Amino acid sequence: MQKAKLTSKGQITIPKEVRKQLGLRIGDEIEFVKENGHFRLQKVFTESPFDKWVGFLKEWEGYDVDEMIEEMRGR
């Protein structure tokens, strides 16, 4: 179990291992979710990590994968 100490300003330092497991980086937002009388800490995702890839392969739409591979192999 990981622990953190509350400062006089109401701040805590999230232990390194917890930050690592949550994938937290400087500037990330976290939220405290109350469930069944307990609080759960979770990372806030403002956008899907997949949003940047939407349409990335649009230029290849309609191509046959097998034909593309043969072309790349120079056949």
N, C-alpha and C. Protein backbone atom coordinates (compact mmCIF):
# COMPACT_ATOMS: atom_id res chain seq x y z
N MET A 1 0.85 -1.18 0.00
CA MET A 1 0.00 0.00 0.00
C MET A 1 0.90 1.24 0.00
N GLN A 2 0.56 2.20 -0.82
CA GLN A 2 1.29 3.46 -0.90
C GLN A 2 0.64 4.49 0.00
N LYS A 3 1.45 5.36 0.59
CA LYS A 3 0.92 6.39 1.47
C LYS A 3 1.44 7.75 1.03
N ALA A 4 0.71 8.80 1.42
CA ALA A 4 1.12 10.18 1.18
C ALA A 4 0.71 11.00 2.39
N LYS A 5 1.47 12.04 2.67
CA LYS A 5 1.19 12.90 3.83
C LYS A 5 0.57 14.21 3.33
N LEU A 6 -0.47 14.66 4.01
CA LEU A 6 -1.17 15.90 3.67
C LEU A 6 -0.41 17.08 4.28
N THR A 7 -0.15 18.12 3.46
CA THR A 7 0.53 19.31 3.97
C THR A 7 -0.49 20.26 4.58
N SER A 8 0.00 21.34 5.19
CA SER A 8 -0.89 22.33 5.80
C SER A 8 -1.74 23.05 4.75
N LYS A 9 -1.30 23.00 3.50
CA LYS A 9 -2.06 23.62 2.40
C LYS A 9 -3.03 22.64 1.74
N GLY A 10 -3.13 21.44 2.30
CA GLY A 10 -4.04 20.45 1.75
C GLY A 10 -3.49 19.73 0.52
N GLN A 11 -2.18 19.75 0.35
CA GLN A 11 -1.55 19.12 -0.81
C GLN A 11 -0.93 17.79 -0.43
N ILE A 12 -0.83 16.92 -1.44
CA ILE A 12 -0.14 15.64 -1.25
C ILE A 12 0.80 15.44 -2.43
N THR A 13 1.81 14.60 -2.21
CA THR A 13 2.67 14.16 -3.30
C THR A 13 2.26 12.73 -3.60
N ILE A 14 1.89 12.48 -4.85
CA ILE A 14 1.50 11.13 -5.25
C ILE A 14 2.78 10.32 -5.41
N PRO A 15 2.88 9.19 -4.73
CA PRO A 15 4.10 8.38 -4.81
C PRO A 15 4.46 8.02 -6.26
N LYS A 16 5.75 7.95 -6.52
CA LYS A 16 6.26 7.70 -7.87
C LYS A 16 5.64 6.45 -8.51
N GLU A 17 5.56 5.37 -7.76
CA GLU A 17 5.01 4.12 -8.31
C GLU A 17 3.55 4.28 -8.70
N VAL A 18 2.78 5.04 -7.93
CA VAL A 18 1.37 5.28 -8.26
C VAL A 18 1.28 6.14 -9.52
N ARG A 19 2.11 7.18 -9.60
CA ARG A 19 2.13 8.03 -10.81
C ARG A 19 2.48 7.20 -12.04
N LYS A 20 3.43 6.31 -11.88
CA LYS A 20 3.86 5.45 -12.99
C LYS A 20 2.72 4.54 -13.44
N GLN A 21 2.05 3.90 -12.48
CA GLN A 21 0.96 2.99 -12.82
C GLN A 21 -0.23 3.70 -13.44
N LEU A 22 -0.47 4.96 -13.02
CA LEU A 22 -1.57 5.74 -13.59
C LEU A 22 -1.18 6.42 -14.90
N GLY A 23 0.11 6.40 -15.20
CA GLY A 23 0.59 7.07 -16.41
C GLY A 23 0.52 8.58 -16.29
N LEU A 24 0.73 9.10 -15.07
CA LEU A 24 0.62 10.54 -14.82
C LEU A 24 1.91 11.25 -15.20
N ARG A 25 1.73 12.41 -15.83
CA ARG A 25 2.86 13.26 -16.19
C ARG A 25 2.57 14.67 -15.70
N ILE A 26 3.59 15.50 -15.71
CA ILE A 26 3.43 16.89 -15.27
C ILE A 26 2.30 17.55 -16.07
N GLY A 27 1.40 18.21 -15.37
CA GLY A 27 0.29 18.90 -16.02
C GLY A 27 -0.97 18.08 -16.17
N ASP A 28 -0.88 16.77 -15.95
CA ASP A 28 -2.07 15.91 -16.04
C ASP A 28 -3.05 16.27 -14.92
N GLU A 29 -4.31 16.05 -15.21
CA GLU A 29 -5.34 16.27 -14.20
C GLU A 29 -5.79 14.92 -13.65
N ILE A 30 -6.13 14.94 -12.36
CA ILE A 30 -6.68 13.74 -11.72
C ILE A 30 -7.99 14.14 -11.07
N GLU A 31 -8.82 13.15 -10.85
CA GLU A 31 -10.08 13.42 -10.17
C GLU A 31 -10.29 12.38 -9.07
N PHE A 32 -11.06 12.79 -8.08
CA PHE A 32 -11.39 11.92 -6.96
C PHE A 32 -12.85 11.53 -7.11
N VAL A 33 -13.10 10.24 -7.27
CA VAL A 33 -14.44 9.73 -7.49
C VAL A 33 -14.90 8.99 -6.24
N LYS A 34 -16.06 9.40 -5.71
CA LYS A 34 -16.59 8.75 -4.51
C LYS A 34 -17.44 7.55 -4.91
N GLU A 35 -17.09 6.40 -4.34
CA GLU A 35 -17.82 5.15 -4.60
C GLU A 35 -17.98 4.39 -3.30
N ASN A 36 -19.18 4.09 -2.95
CA ASN A 36 -19.46 3.28 -1.76
C ASN A 36 -18.75 3.80 -0.51
N GLY A 37 -18.74 5.12 -0.34
CA GLY A 37 -18.14 5.72 0.84
C GLY A 37 -16.62 5.83 0.82
N HIS A 38 -16.01 5.45 -0.31
CA HIS A 38 -14.56 5.54 -0.47
C HIS A 38 -14.25 6.43 -1.68
N PHE A 39 -13.06 6.99 -1.70
CA PHE A 39 -12.64 7.79 -2.84
C PHE A 39 -11.64 7.02 -3.68
N ARG A 40 -11.78 7.18 -4.99
CA ARG A 40 -10.89 6.55 -5.95
C ARG A 40 -10.22 7.65 -6.76
N LEU A 41 -8.94 7.54 -6.97
CA LEU A 41 -8.18 8.51 -7.74
C LEU A 41 -8.05 8.00 -9.16
N GLN A 42 -8.32 8.87 -10.14
CA GLN A 42 -8.14 8.44 -11.52
C GLN A 42 -7.68 9.60 -12.38
N LYS A 43 -6.99 9.26 -13.45
CA LYS A 43 -6.49 10.24 -14.40
C LYS A 43 -7.65 10.74 -15.25
N VAL A 44 -7.66 12.04 -15.53
CA VAL A 44 -8.70 12.63 -16.38
C VAL A 44 -8.19 12.64 -17.82
N PHE A 45 -8.95 12.06 -18.72
CA PHE A 45 -8.63 12.07 -20.13
C PHE A 45 -9.52 13.10 -20.81
N THR A 46 -8.93 14.20 -21.24
CA THR A 46 -9.72 15.25 -21.89
C THR A 46 -10.07 14.87 -23.32
N GLU A 47 -9.25 14.04 -23.92
CA GLU A 47 -9.54 13.55 -25.25
C GLU A 47 -9.04 12.13 -25.36
N SER A 48 -9.59 11.40 -26.28
CA SER A 48 -9.17 10.02 -26.47
C SER A 48 -7.75 10.02 -27.03
N PRO A 49 -6.89 9.15 -26.55
CA PRO A 49 -5.54 9.08 -27.11
C PRO A 49 -5.56 8.62 -28.57
N PHE A 50 -6.70 8.13 -29.03
CA PHE A 50 -6.81 7.66 -30.41
C PHE A 50 -7.31 8.75 -31.36
N ASP A 51 -7.81 9.88 -30.81
CA ASP A 51 -8.34 10.95 -31.65
C ASP A 51 -7.34 11.45 -32.68
N LYS A 52 -6.06 11.51 -32.31
CA LYS A 52 -5.06 12.03 -33.23
C LYS A 52 -4.84 11.12 -34.43
N TRP A 53 -5.31 9.88 -34.36
CA TRP A 53 -5.12 8.93 -35.45
C TRP A 53 -6.33 8.82 -36.37
N VAL A 54 -7.44 9.48 -36.01
CA VAL A 54 -8.64 9.40 -36.84
C VAL A 54 -8.33 9.95 -38.22
N GLY A 55 -8.60 9.15 -39.24
CA GLY A 55 -8.36 9.58 -40.62
C GLY A 55 -6.93 9.40 -41.10
N PHE A 56 -6.06 8.89 -40.25
CA PHE A 56 -4.64 8.77 -40.58
C PHE A 56 -4.41 7.91 -41.82
N LEU A 57 -5.21 6.87 -41.99
CA LEU A 57 -5.04 5.96 -43.13
C LEU A 57 -6.07 6.21 -44.23
N LYS A 58 -6.69 7.38 -44.21
CA LYS A 58 -7.75 7.70 -45.17
C LYS A 58 -7.27 7.53 -46.61
N GLU A 59 -6.02 7.91 -46.89
CA GLU A 59 -5.50 7.84 -48.26
C GLU A 59 -5.39 6.40 -48.76
N TRP A 60 -5.40 5.43 -47.85
CA TRP A 60 -5.27 4.03 -48.23
C TRP A 60 -6.63 3.33 -48.34
N GLU A 61 -7.71 4.08 -48.11
CA GLU A 61 -9.04 3.49 -48.16
C GLU A 61 -9.31 2.88 -49.54
N GLY A 62 -9.81 1.66 -49.54
CA GLY A 62 -10.16 0.98 -50.78
C GLY A 62 -9.02 0.15 -51.35
N TYR A 63 -7.81 0.30 -50.83
CA TYR A 63 -6.69 -0.50 -51.31
C TYR A 63 -6.79 -1.92 -50.77
N ASP A 64 -6.36 -2.86 -51.57
CA ASP A 64 -6.31 -4.24 -51.13
C ASP A 64 -4.98 -4.45 -50.40
N VAL A 65 -5.04 -4.95 -49.19
CA VAL A 65 -3.85 -5.11 -48.36
C VAL A 65 -2.82 -6.03 -49.04
N ASP A 66 -3.29 -7.12 -49.61
CA ASP A 66 -2.36 -8.05 -50.27
C ASP A 66 -1.65 -7.38 -51.44
N GLU A 67 -2.37 -6.57 -52.21
CA GLU A 67 -1.76 -5.85 -53.33
C GLU A 67 -0.72 -4.84 -52.83
N MET A 68 -1.03 -4.18 -51.72
CA MET A 68 -0.10 -3.20 -51.14
C MET A 68 1.20 -3.89 -50.73
N ILE A 69 1.09 -5.06 -50.12
CA ILE A 69 2.27 -5.80 -49.68
C ILE A 69 3.11 -6.23 -50.87
N GLU A 70 2.46 -6.74 -51.89
CA GLU A 70 3.18 -7.15 -53.11
C GLU A 70 3.89 -5.95 -53.74
N GLU A 71 3.24 -4.80 -53.77
CA GLU A 71 3.82 -3.58 -54.33
C GLU A 71 5.05 -3.16 -53.53
N MET A 72 4.94 -3.22 -52.19
CA MET A 72 6.07 -2.85 -51.33
C MET A 72 7.25 -3.79 -51.52
N ARG A 73 6.96 -5.03 -51.84
CA ARG A 73 8.01 -6.02 -52.05
C ARG A 73 8.59 -5.92 -53.46
N GLY A 74 7.99 -5.06 -54.29
CA GLY A 74 8.50 -4.85 -55.65
C GLY A 74 8.14 -5.96 -56.61
N ARG A 75 7.01 -6.58 -56.36
CA ARG A 75 6.59 -7.68 -57.26
C ARG A 75 5.52 -7.24 -58.20
